[in-house]
């Protein structure tokens, strides 16, 4: 990772992307609350020692040098309140000395805690950044066109500590037509990325070598059985654009794609004979059946992962109704690359509005339309 990108990851991890004023606000508020409490309670109540909460609060958000400055303000407030409460007299001097010594000791300890916190945040940010970079390198995001297809993609990792997951996609212009793979590995984290690497690596080889989609899927199934632990599986959807005006689909337990015509009519392309995900082929007998459908110049194919269709409404908890929303948001987007990119942006924005701005799982949206261009591409 570049130093700039690692620094940005660190800032977001340790709240250092916030301004100093916002990060210091909790500790400064504690100084104010303790001071007001002591002043309002009168001179017969000595509440100034409560100022020891300031270093502990500051250690959560501030850097060591910043913490010392804020705690110095707390220390001066402690001295001022002690003078106001007349605890600096000879009789109460020992009590005041103990309060000041406790405050200084806790300040120094909190500065060490803040330094330790930043070191651990840096280590976490480095690991997360490297893992995210590995995932980006693995996916090889395609350009706006591959072979006779226009593409628009939105791929977003879930907003949790894992940061990376097992959603995958690839688009290849091969001698057997332009082939697309969209998949979702069970689970998330580095294990899911490892499984995705096996699936994508096998696809990128088999897509060029095998004449049929079933043979491509069989090669991937064999690789998964050899290199992926038992019990792990990957839902997948294969699409092949070989003949003009047609698309061939092969389902392996994945979310069915949606076809949107130029006038916004929606058709969910369910598999007539659903098949088990990749990695579970030994549990099934027979062969999966592909589905060939017309796909015209005005049509858009919407492919996604379950992070989209299983995204819940932030209030009602209902799943995102992709089939209902895709028509008005995507219809007519096949006219140009700009309109297709705008359409995937609208669809993603609508998804975020449905969830309240945050996704609980990785989400992939891939929009495909036909183009008259025939430049080669790979993803």
Protein backbone atom coordinates (compact mmCIF):
# COMPACT_ATOMS: atom_id res chain seq x y z
CA UNK A 1 0.00 0.00 0.00
CA UNK A 2 1.14 3.55 -0.68
CA UNK A 3 2.00 5.62 2.42
CA UNK A 4 -0.86 8.02 1.66
CA UNK A 5 -3.43 5.23 1.45
CA UNK A 6 -2.17 3.57 4.63
CA UNK A 7 -2.36 6.92 6.39
CA UNK A 8 -5.97 7.38 5.28
CA UNK A 9 -6.82 3.90 6.54
CA UNK A 10 -5.18 4.70 9.88
CA UNK A 11 -7.04 7.97 10.23
CA UNK A 12 -10.40 6.32 9.63
CA UNK A 13 -9.59 3.45 12.01
CA UNK A 14 -8.49 5.60 14.96
CA UNK A 15 -10.93 8.52 14.47
CA UNK A 16 -8.01 10.72 13.45
CA UNK A 17 -9.91 11.79 10.34
CA UNK A 18 -12.04 13.94 12.66
CA UNK A 19 -10.92 17.44 13.58
CA UNK A 20 -9.04 18.08 16.84
CA UNK A 21 -11.99 20.07 18.11
CA UNK A 22 -14.36 17.14 17.70
CA UNK A 23 -11.93 14.62 19.16
CA UNK A 24 -11.17 16.84 22.15
CA UNK A 25 -14.82 17.70 22.76
CA UNK A 26 -15.59 14.75 25.15
CA UNK A 27 -12.61 15.52 27.42
CA UNK A 28 -13.27 19.27 27.37
CA UNK A 29 -16.92 18.63 28.15
CA UNK A 30 -15.82 16.56 31.17
CA UNK A 31 -13.70 19.49 32.41
CA UNK A 32 -16.68 21.81 32.05
CA UNK A 33 -19.14 19.44 33.75
CA UNK A 34 -16.87 18.81 36.75
CA UNK A 35 -16.13 22.53 37.12
CA UNK A 36 -19.80 23.48 37.00
CA UNK A 37 -20.74 20.72 39.42
CA UNK A 38 -18.15 21.93 41.93
CA UNK A 39 -19.08 25.60 41.58
CA UNK A 40 -22.82 25.02 41.79
CA UNK A 41 -22.52 22.76 44.84
CA UNK A 42 -20.85 25.54 46.83
CA UNK A 43 -17.71 25.66 48.92
CA UNK A 44 -18.94 23.03 51.34
CA UNK A 45 -18.77 20.34 48.61
CA UNK A 46 -15.34 19.48 47.17
CA UNK A 47 -16.00 17.82 43.77
CA UNK A 48 -12.81 18.92 42.02
CA UNK A 49 -11.11 15.45 42.39
CA UNK A 50 -13.67 14.17 39.88
CA UNK A 51 -11.40 15.83 37.31
CA UNK A 52 -9.50 12.51 37.17
CA UNK A 53 -12.06 11.32 34.58
CA UNK A 54 -10.57 13.75 32.05
CA UNK A 55 -7.36 11.79 31.25
CA UNK A 56 -9.32 8.54 30.86
CA UNK A 57 -11.76 10.11 28.41
CA UNK A 58 -9.00 11.87 26.49
CA UNK A 59 -7.10 8.59 26.03
CA UNK A 60 -9.95 7.28 23.85
CA UNK A 61 -9.68 9.88 21.06
CA UNK A 62 -6.58 12.07 21.42
CA UNK A 63 -2.94 11.66 20.52
CA UNK A 64 -0.47 11.71 23.44
CA UNK A 65 0.64 15.33 22.90
CA UNK A 66 -2.95 16.48 22.49
CA UNK A 67 -3.93 14.58 25.61
CA UNK A 68 -1.26 16.31 27.67
CA UNK A 69 -2.47 19.72 26.56
CA UNK A 70 -6.10 18.96 27.40
CA UNK A 71 -5.11 17.40 30.71
CA UNK A 72 -3.07 20.51 31.53
CA UNK A 73 -6.28 22.50 31.22
CA UNK A 74 -7.93 20.01 33.56
CA UNK A 75 -5.03 20.32 35.99
CA UNK A 76 -5.32 24.13 36.07
CA UNK A 77 -9.07 23.78 36.58
CA UNK A 78 -8.41 21.40 39.45
CA UNK A 79 -6.09 23.95 41.09
CA UNK A 80 -8.58 26.77 40.60
CA UNK A 81 -11.46 24.78 42.05
CA UNK A 82 -9.31 23.74 45.01
CA UNK A 83 -8.56 27.37 45.74
CA UNK A 84 -12.27 28.21 45.41
CA UNK A 85 -13.18 25.45 47.85
CA UNK A 86 -10.36 26.57 50.17
CA UNK A 87 -8.75 23.13 50.24
CA UNK A 88 -5.28 24.61 49.82
CA UNK A 89 -5.16 25.51 53.48
CA UNK A 90 -2.79 23.76 55.88
CA UNK A 91 -5.47 21.40 57.22
CA UNK A 92 -6.62 20.21 53.80
CA UNK A 93 -3.24 20.37 52.08
CA UNK A 94 -2.58 16.65 52.32
CA UNK A 95 -5.92 15.87 50.63
CA UNK A 96 -5.18 18.35 47.85
CA UNK A 97 -1.67 16.90 47.40
CA UNK A 98 -3.17 13.39 46.97
CA UNK A 99 -5.72 14.64 44.40
CA UNK A 100 -3.04 16.42 42.36
CA UNK A 101 -0.66 13.47 42.48
CA UNK A 102 -3.42 11.08 41.40
CA UNK A 103 -4.33 13.37 38.50
CA UNK A 104 -0.71 13.62 37.30
CA UNK A 105 -0.18 9.86 37.53
CA UNK A 106 -3.38 9.10 35.65
CA UNK A 107 -2.49 11.67 32.98
CA UNK A 108 0.88 10.03 32.31
CA UNK A 109 -0.68 6.56 32.24
CA UNK A 110 -3.42 7.76 29.85
CA UNK A 111 -0.78 9.23 27.51
CA UNK A 112 0.88 5.80 27.38
CA UNK A 113 -2.52 4.18 26.70
CA UNK A 114 -3.16 6.66 23.86
CA UNK A 115 0.22 5.83 22.35
CA UNK A 116 -0.51 2.09 22.60
CA UNK A 117 -3.95 2.64 21.06
CA UNK A 118 -2.45 4.41 18.05
CA UNK A 119 0.15 1.67 17.51
CA UNK A 120 -2.54 -1.00 17.50
CA UNK A 121 -4.76 1.06 15.21
CA UNK A 122 -1.82 1.43 12.82
CA UNK A 123 -1.29 -2.35 12.77
CA UNK A 124 -5.00 -2.98 12.16
CA UNK A 125 -5.14 -0.38 9.39
CA UNK A 126 -2.08 -1.92 7.70
CA UNK A 127 -3.59 -5.43 7.73
CA UNK A 128 -6.97 -4.18 6.51
CA UNK A 129 -5.40 -2.11 3.75
CA UNK A 130 -3.26 -4.99 2.50
CA UNK A 131 -6.25 -7.35 2.54
CA UNK A 132 -8.39 -4.84 0.69
CA UNK A 133 -5.62 -4.27 -1.86
CA UNK A 134 -5.33 -8.02 -2.38
CA UNK A 135 -9.04 -8.22 -3.03
CA UNK A 136 -8.96 -5.33 -5.51
CA UNK A 137 -6.02 -6.92 -7.35
CA UNK A 138 -7.90 -10.20 -7.42
CA UNK A 139 -11.06 -8.76 -8.94
CA UNK A 140 -9.40 -6.75 -11.76
CA UNK A 141 -12.28 -4.32 -12.24
CA UNK A 142 -13.24 -4.27 -15.94
CA UNK A 143 -13.38 -1.21 -18.14
CA UNK A 144 -16.62 0.27 -19.48
CA UNK A 145 -16.68 -2.24 -22.34
CA UNK A 146 -15.55 -5.82 -22.82
CA UNK A 147 -16.07 -7.38 -26.24
CA UNK A 148 -19.60 -6.57 -27.44
CA UNK A 149 -20.76 -5.59 -23.93
CA UNK A 150 -21.05 -2.37 -21.98
CA UNK A 151 -20.53 -2.69 -18.23
CA UNK A 152 -21.26 -0.64 -15.12
CA UNK A 153 -20.20 -1.97 -11.71
CA UNK A 154 -20.70 -1.10 -8.06
CA UNK A 155 -18.82 -3.26 -5.57
CA UNK A 156 -18.96 -2.31 -1.89
CA UNK A 157 -17.56 -4.16 1.11
CA UNK A 158 -19.67 -4.40 4.23
CA UNK A 159 -19.18 -1.76 6.90
CA UNK A 160 -17.72 -4.02 9.56
CA UNK A 161 -14.35 -5.09 10.90
CA UNK A 162 -13.82 -7.71 8.18
CA UNK A 163 -13.77 -5.01 5.44
CA UNK A 164 -13.39 -7.67 2.79
CA UNK A 165 -15.66 -10.46 1.68
CA UNK A 166 -16.22 -13.12 -0.91
CA UNK A 167 -18.23 -11.40 -3.63
CA UNK A 168 -16.52 -11.91 -6.98
CA UNK A 169 -17.02 -11.17 -10.65
CA UNK A 170 -15.13 -11.43 -13.92
CA UNK A 171 -15.84 -10.63 -17.57
CA UNK A 172 -13.73 -12.18 -20.33
CA UNK A 173 -13.78 -11.80 -24.11
CA UNK A 174 -12.84 -15.31 -25.26
CA UNK A 175 -12.82 -17.26 -28.53
CA UNK A 176 -16.11 -18.80 -27.36
CA UNK A 177 -17.86 -15.48 -26.79
CA UNK A 178 -17.85 -12.97 -23.96
CA UNK A 179 -18.26 -14.81 -20.68
CA UNK A 180 -19.33 -13.45 -17.31
CA UNK A 181 -19.03 -14.91 -13.83
CA UNK A 182 -20.68 -13.46 -10.72
CA UNK A 183 -20.31 -15.34 -7.46
CA UNK A 184 -20.53 -15.15 -3.69
CA UNK A 185 -18.27 -17.16 -1.40
CA UNK A 186 -19.74 -18.26 1.91
CA UNK A 187 -18.35 -16.16 4.75
CA UNK A 188 -15.92 -13.24 4.63
CA UNK A 189 -12.37 -12.30 5.54
CA UNK A 190 -9.12 -13.71 4.19
CA UNK A 191 -10.54 -17.24 3.94
CA UNK A 192 -13.27 -16.00 1.60
CA UNK A 193 -10.71 -14.11 -0.50
CA UNK A 194 -8.63 -17.28 -0.80
CA UNK A 195 -11.65 -19.23 -2.06
CA UNK A 196 -12.51 -16.41 -4.47
CA UNK A 197 -8.96 -16.55 -5.82
CA UNK A 198 -9.38 -20.26 -6.57
CA UNK A 199 -12.72 -19.71 -8.33
CA UNK A 200 -11.56 -16.72 -10.37
CA UNK A 201 -8.26 -18.33 -11.31
CA UNK A 202 -9.99 -21.44 -12.59
CA UNK A 203 -12.57 -19.37 -14.47
CA UNK A 204 -9.93 -17.24 -16.20
CA UNK A 205 -8.27 -20.39 -17.50
CA UNK A 206 -11.31 -22.49 -18.33
CA UNK A 207 -13.25 -19.69 -20.04
CA UNK A 208 -10.64 -19.61 -22.83
CA UNK A 209 -10.21 -23.37 -23.13
CA UNK A 210 -13.69 -24.87 -22.85
CA UNK A 211 -16.33 -24.61 -25.55
CA UNK A 212 -19.40 -24.80 -23.26
CA UNK A 213 -20.39 -23.14 -20.00
CA UNK A 214 -20.99 -26.47 -18.27
CA UNK A 215 -17.42 -27.51 -19.06
CA UNK A 216 -16.17 -24.20 -17.63
CA UNK A 217 -18.16 -24.75 -14.45
CA UNK A 218 -16.91 -28.34 -14.18
CA UNK A 219 -13.29 -27.12 -14.32
CA UNK A 220 -14.00 -24.65 -11.53
CA UNK A 221 -15.76 -27.33 -9.48
CA UNK A 222 -12.69 -29.56 -9.77
CA UNK A 223 -10.39 -26.73 -8.62
CA UNK A 224 -12.64 -25.95 -5.66
CA UNK A 225 -12.66 -29.60 -4.60
CA UNK A 226 -8.85 -29.71 -4.72
CA UNK A 227 -7.97 -26.37 -3.12
CA UNK A 228 -10.87 -25.29 -0.91
CA UNK A 229 -11.65 -26.83 2.51
CA UNK A 230 -14.61 -29.20 2.69
CA UNK A 231 -17.90 -27.51 3.43
CA UNK A 232 -16.98 -24.19 1.81
CA UNK A 233 -19.03 -23.30 -1.25
CA UNK A 234 -19.60 -20.50 -3.74
CA UNK A 235 -22.88 -19.57 -5.37
CA UNK A 236 -22.28 -18.61 -8.99
CA UNK A 237 -23.99 -17.39 -12.12
CA UNK A 238 -22.42 -17.83 -15.55
CA UNK A 239 -23.48 -15.83 -18.60
CA UNK A 240 -22.28 -16.24 -22.18
CA UNK A 241 -22.81 -13.78 -25.04
CA UNK A 242 -21.83 -15.70 -28.16
CA UNK A 243 -24.62 -15.04 -30.62
CA UNK A 244 -25.90 -11.49 -31.30
CA UNK A 245 -29.24 -10.88 -29.62
CA UNK A 246 -28.99 -13.78 -27.17
CA UNK A 247 -27.56 -14.69 -23.77
CA UNK A 248 -26.98 -18.10 -22.24
CA UNK A 249 -27.21 -18.46 -18.44
CA UNK A 250 -26.08 -21.20 -16.09
CA UNK A 251 -27.16 -21.02 -12.42
CA UNK A 252 -25.29 -22.52 -9.48
CA UNK A 253 -27.47 -21.53 -6.56
CA UNK A 254 -26.95 -17.81 -7.15
CA UNK A 255 -29.36 -14.86 -7.12
CA UNK A 256 -31.23 -14.90 -10.46
CA UNK A 257 -30.43 -12.01 -12.82
CA UNK A 258 -32.99 -9.47 -13.95
CA UNK A 259 -33.60 -8.42 -17.55
CA UNK A 260 -34.81 -4.85 -18.01
CA UNK A 261 -36.09 -3.85 -21.46
CA UNK A 262 -35.89 -0.38 -22.96
CA UNK A 263 -39.37 0.56 -21.73
CA UNK A 264 -38.62 -0.57 -18.16
CA UNK A 265 -40.30 -3.98 -18.30
CA UNK A 266 -38.67 -6.37 -15.81
CA UNK A 267 -38.20 -10.11 -16.14
CA UNK A 268 -36.59 -12.21 -13.41
CA UNK A 269 -34.57 -14.95 -15.12
CA UNK A 270 -35.13 -17.84 -12.74
CA UNK A 271 -33.35 -21.11 -13.42
CA UNK A 272 -35.72 -23.85 -14.66
CA UNK A 273 -33.57 -26.46 -12.93
CA UNK A 274 -31.66 -24.87 -9.99
CA UNK A 275 -28.26 -26.42 -9.24
CA UNK A 276 -26.12 -26.63 -6.12
CA UNK A 277 -23.33 -24.06 -5.51
CA UNK A 278 -19.75 -24.72 -6.56
CA UNK A 279 -18.03 -26.94 -4.03
CA UNK A 280 -21.13 -29.07 -3.37
CA UNK A 281 -21.23 -30.85 -6.73
CA UNK A 282 -20.48 -34.23 -5.15
CA UNK A 283 -23.84 -34.02 -3.35
CA UNK A 284 -25.84 -33.81 -6.59
CA UNK A 285 -26.38 -36.20 -9.46
CA UNK A 286 -26.91 -35.37 -13.11
CA UNK A 287 -25.93 -32.19 -14.97
CA UNK A 288 -27.10 -28.57 -14.64
CA UNK A 289 -29.10 -27.15 -17.52
CA UNK A 290 -28.33 -23.83 -19.16
CA UNK A 291 -30.96 -21.33 -20.19
CA UNK A 292 -30.76 -19.38 -23.49
CA UNK A 293 -32.82 -16.20 -23.83
CA UNK A 294 -33.13 -13.26 -26.23
CA UNK A 295 -31.08 -10.21 -25.24
CA UNK A 296 -31.53 -7.21 -27.51
CA UNK A 297 -29.71 -3.94 -27.97
CA UNK A 298 -32.18 -2.08 -25.71
CA UNK A 299 -32.01 -4.61 -22.85
CA UNK A 300 -29.99 -4.38 -19.64
CA UNK A 301 -29.00 -7.42 -17.61
CA UNK A 302 -28.81 -6.75 -13.86
CA UNK A 303 -26.60 -9.17 -11.94
CA UNK A 304 -26.01 -8.95 -8.20
CA UNK A 305 -25.10 -10.85 -5.05
CA UNK A 306 -27.29 -11.61 -2.06
CA UNK A 307 -25.93 -8.54 -0.27
CA UNK A 308 -28.27 -6.56 -2.52
CA UNK A 309 -31.49 -8.58 -2.43
CA UNK A 310 -31.10 -9.40 1.29
CA UNK A 311 -30.38 -5.82 2.35
CA UNK A 312 -33.00 -4.92 4.95
CA UNK A 313 -34.98 -1.72 5.30
CA UNK A 314 -33.64 0.41 8.12
CA UNK A 315 -37.08 0.57 9.78
CA UNK A 316 -39.36 -2.24 8.61
CA UNK A 317 -36.65 -4.87 8.04
CA UNK A 318 -38.02 -5.79 4.60
CA UNK A 319 -35.62 -7.08 1.94
CA UNK A 320 -34.66 -4.74 -0.88
CA UNK A 321 -37.18 -5.25 -3.74
CA UNK A 322 -34.69 -5.23 -6.61
CA UNK A 323 -37.18 -6.54 -9.18
CA UNK A 324 -39.58 -3.67 -8.37
CA UNK A 325 -36.96 -0.92 -8.32
CA UNK A 326 -34.86 -2.00 -11.31
CA UNK A 327 -37.47 -1.15 -13.96
CA UNK A 328 -37.81 2.61 -13.43
CA UNK A 329 -34.16 3.03 -12.37
CA UNK A 330 -32.52 1.04 -15.18
CA UNK A 331 -34.99 1.17 -18.09
CA UNK A 332 -33.54 2.86 -21.16
CA UNK A 333 -29.97 2.79 -19.82
CA UNK A 334 -28.66 0.67 -22.72
CA UNK A 335 -28.44 3.68 -25.03
CA UNK A 336 -24.95 4.78 -23.99
CA UNK A 337 -22.12 4.00 -21.52
CA UNK A 338 -22.89 7.21 -19.62
CA UNK A 339 -26.53 6.27 -19.12
CA UNK A 340 -25.59 2.77 -18.00
CA UNK A 341 -23.12 4.17 -15.44
CA UNK A 342 -25.74 6.64 -14.25
CA UNK A 343 -28.26 3.82 -13.90
CA UNK A 344 -26.02 1.70 -11.68
CA UNK A 345 -25.40 4.81 -9.57
CA UNK A 346 -29.14 5.38 -9.19
CA UNK A 347 -29.70 1.76 -8.26
CA UNK A 348 -26.93 1.81 -5.66
CA UNK A 349 -28.18 5.09 -4.19
CA UNK A 350 -31.66 3.61 -3.92
CA UNK A 351 -30.21 0.57 -2.15
CA UNK A 352 -28.48 2.81 0.39
CA UNK A 353 -31.66 4.80 0.94
CA UNK A 354 -33.47 1.53 1.64
CA UNK A 355 -30.95 0.45 4.29
CA UNK A 356 -30.49 3.87 5.83
CA UNK A 357 -27.02 4.43 4.39
CA UNK A 358 -25.16 1.32 5.56
CA UNK A 359 -24.91 -2.22 4.21
CA UNK A 360 -24.65 -5.25 6.46
CA UNK A 361 -23.02 -7.45 3.81
CA UNK A 362 -20.87 -7.11 0.70
CA UNK A 363 -22.89 -5.95 -2.28
CA UNK A 364 -22.19 -6.27 -6.00
CA UNK A 365 -24.23 -4.70 -8.78
CA UNK A 366 -23.23 -5.41 -12.39
CA UNK A 367 -25.22 -3.93 -15.28
CA UNK A 368 -24.64 -5.29 -18.79
CA UNK A 369 -25.89 -4.08 -22.15
CA UNK A 370 -24.86 -4.73 -25.74
CA UNK A 371 -22.77 -2.37 -27.84
CA UNK A 372 -21.80 -2.25 -31.50
CA UNK A 373 -18.10 -2.00 -30.53
CA UNK A 374 -16.00 -5.13 -30.48
CA UNK A 375 -12.80 -4.12 -28.67
CA UNK A 376 -11.14 -6.91 -26.69
CA UNK A 377 -11.13 -6.77 -22.89
CA UNK A 378 -10.46 -8.75 -19.80
CA UNK A 379 -11.51 -8.50 -16.18
